[in-house]
Protein backbone atom coordinates (compact mmCIF):
# COMPACT_ATOMS: atom_id res chain seq x y z
CA MET A 1 14.51 7.12 10.09
CA ASN A 2 12.07 4.04 9.41
CA VAL A 3 10.06 3.89 5.82
CA ARG A 4 8.13 0.87 4.21
CA ILE A 5 8.35 0.03 0.23
CA TYR A 6 5.34 -1.49 -0.54
CA GLN A 7 3.59 -2.47 -3.32
CA PRO A 8 -0.19 -1.00 -3.18
CA THR A 9 -2.94 -3.27 -3.54
CA LYS A 10 -5.81 -1.86 -5.43
CA THR A 11 -8.78 -0.41 -3.71
CA ALA A 12 -12.66 -0.87 -3.20
CA MET A 13 -13.94 2.25 -5.69
CA GLN A 14 -11.35 0.26 -8.72
CA SER A 15 -12.75 -2.56 -10.64
CA GLY A 16 -8.82 -2.37 -13.16
CA ARG A 17 -5.37 -2.95 -11.50
CA ALA A 18 -4.32 0.89 -12.84
CA LYS A 19 -2.26 2.31 -10.39
CA THR A 20 -0.37 -0.96 -8.56
CA HIS A 21 2.25 -1.53 -10.79
CA ARG A 22 4.43 0.99 -9.22
CA TRP A 23 6.47 0.68 -5.97
CA GLN A 24 5.77 3.49 -2.54
CA LEU A 25 8.10 4.82 0.34
CA ASP A 26 6.63 6.39 2.83
CA CYS A 27 7.82 6.83 5.41
CA ASP A 28 6.85 5.71 9.88
CA ILE A 29 5.77 7.79 11.87
CA GLU A 30 8.23 9.42 14.24
CA THR A 31 7.18 12.07 16.49
CA PRO A 32 2.88 10.62 18.52
CA ARG A 33 0.65 12.19 17.47
CA ARG A 34 -1.96 14.39 19.38
CA PRO A 35 -5.83 15.96 19.19
CA GLU A 36 -6.19 19.71 17.82
CA PRO A 37 -6.92 21.54 21.11
CA LEU A 38 -9.35 24.64 18.62
CA MET A 39 -9.94 22.31 16.09
CA GLY A 40 -9.41 18.31 17.42
CA TRP A 41 -7.98 17.61 14.63
CA THR A 42 -4.83 14.62 14.98
CA SER A 43 -1.86 16.37 14.12
CA SER A 44 1.89 15.03 14.94
CA GLY A 45 4.99 17.70 14.83
CA ASP A 46 6.60 15.14 12.38
CA THR A 47 5.75 16.34 8.72
CA LEU A 48 7.92 14.08 6.44
CA ASN A 49 4.92 10.88 7.56
CA GLN A 50 2.71 12.93 4.65
CA ILE A 51 4.89 12.04 1.61
CA ARG A 52 4.80 9.06 -0.06
CA LEU A 53 6.95 8.48 -3.60
CA THR A 54 5.83 6.89 -6.18
CA PHE A 55 9.44 4.45 -8.39
CA GLU A 56 8.94 2.59 -10.75
CA THR A 57 10.88 -0.92 -9.45
CA LYS A 58 12.00 -1.41 -6.19
CA GLU A 59 15.44 -1.86 -6.74
CA GLU A 60 15.08 2.16 -7.29
CA ALA A 61 13.26 2.48 -4.57
CA ILE A 62 15.49 1.04 -1.80
CA ALA A 63 18.75 2.65 -3.90
CA PHE A 64 16.82 5.97 -3.11
CA ALA A 65 16.99 5.37 0.86
CA GLU A 66 20.71 4.09 0.94
CA ARG A 67 21.23 7.40 -0.78
CA LYS A 68 19.36 9.19 2.30
CA GLY A 69 20.90 6.57 4.49
CA TRP A 70 17.70 4.82 6.07
CA ASP A 71 16.25 2.40 7.27
CA TYR A 72 13.36 0.16 5.19
CA VAL A 73 11.94 -2.56 4.98
CA VAL A 74 10.16 -4.10 2.14
CA SER A 75 6.97 -5.98 1.49
CA ASN A 76 6.78 -9.01 -0.71
CA GLU A 77 4.53 -8.90 -3.71
CA PRO A 78 0.71 -8.82 -3.22
CA VAL A 79 -0.48 -12.06 -4.46
CA ARG A 80 -3.50 -12.14 -7.34
CA ARG A 81 -5.54 -14.65 -7.11
CA VAL A 82 -8.08 -15.09 -9.72
CA ARG A 83 -10.78 -17.02 -9.12
CA PRO A 84 -12.08 -18.58 -12.72
CA ARG A 85 -16.10 -17.57 -12.45
CA ASN A 86 -17.87 -18.98 -15.66
CA TYR A 87 -22.56 -17.88 -16.45
CA PRO A 88 -23.45 -21.44 -16.89
CA ASP A 89 -21.79 -22.39 -13.49
CA ASN A 90 -24.56 -20.61 -11.63
CA PHE A 91 -26.96 -23.13 -12.72
CA ARG A 92 -25.41 -26.30 -12.43
CA LEU A 93 -27.55 -29.39 -10.46
CA ASP A 94 -23.82 -30.89 -9.24
CA ARG A 95 -22.42 -27.63 -7.74
CA PRO A 96 -21.66 -27.53 -3.56
CA ARG A 97 -24.26 -25.57 -1.51
CA PHE A 98 -23.35 -23.89 1.07
């Protein structure tokens, strides 16, 4: 089984950085997805793709995957880019025009 270990980024609905410090382990889809004939929902025969485990550190997530015998891929930590913005810069005369 293949799993992916990553640190989630903040959602578009968040202004803060809550729930972005933990590491998550998600399972890859083993069986293909197919539409249900009655309702039209997309389903899968594998229930492990519904599980999302969270860990405090990357090492804990790696140790868990190795203990279970799973192949894992670790994604790098997302880079946080902060652009300095000041209110007086809106009125500068020498700012670049687009």
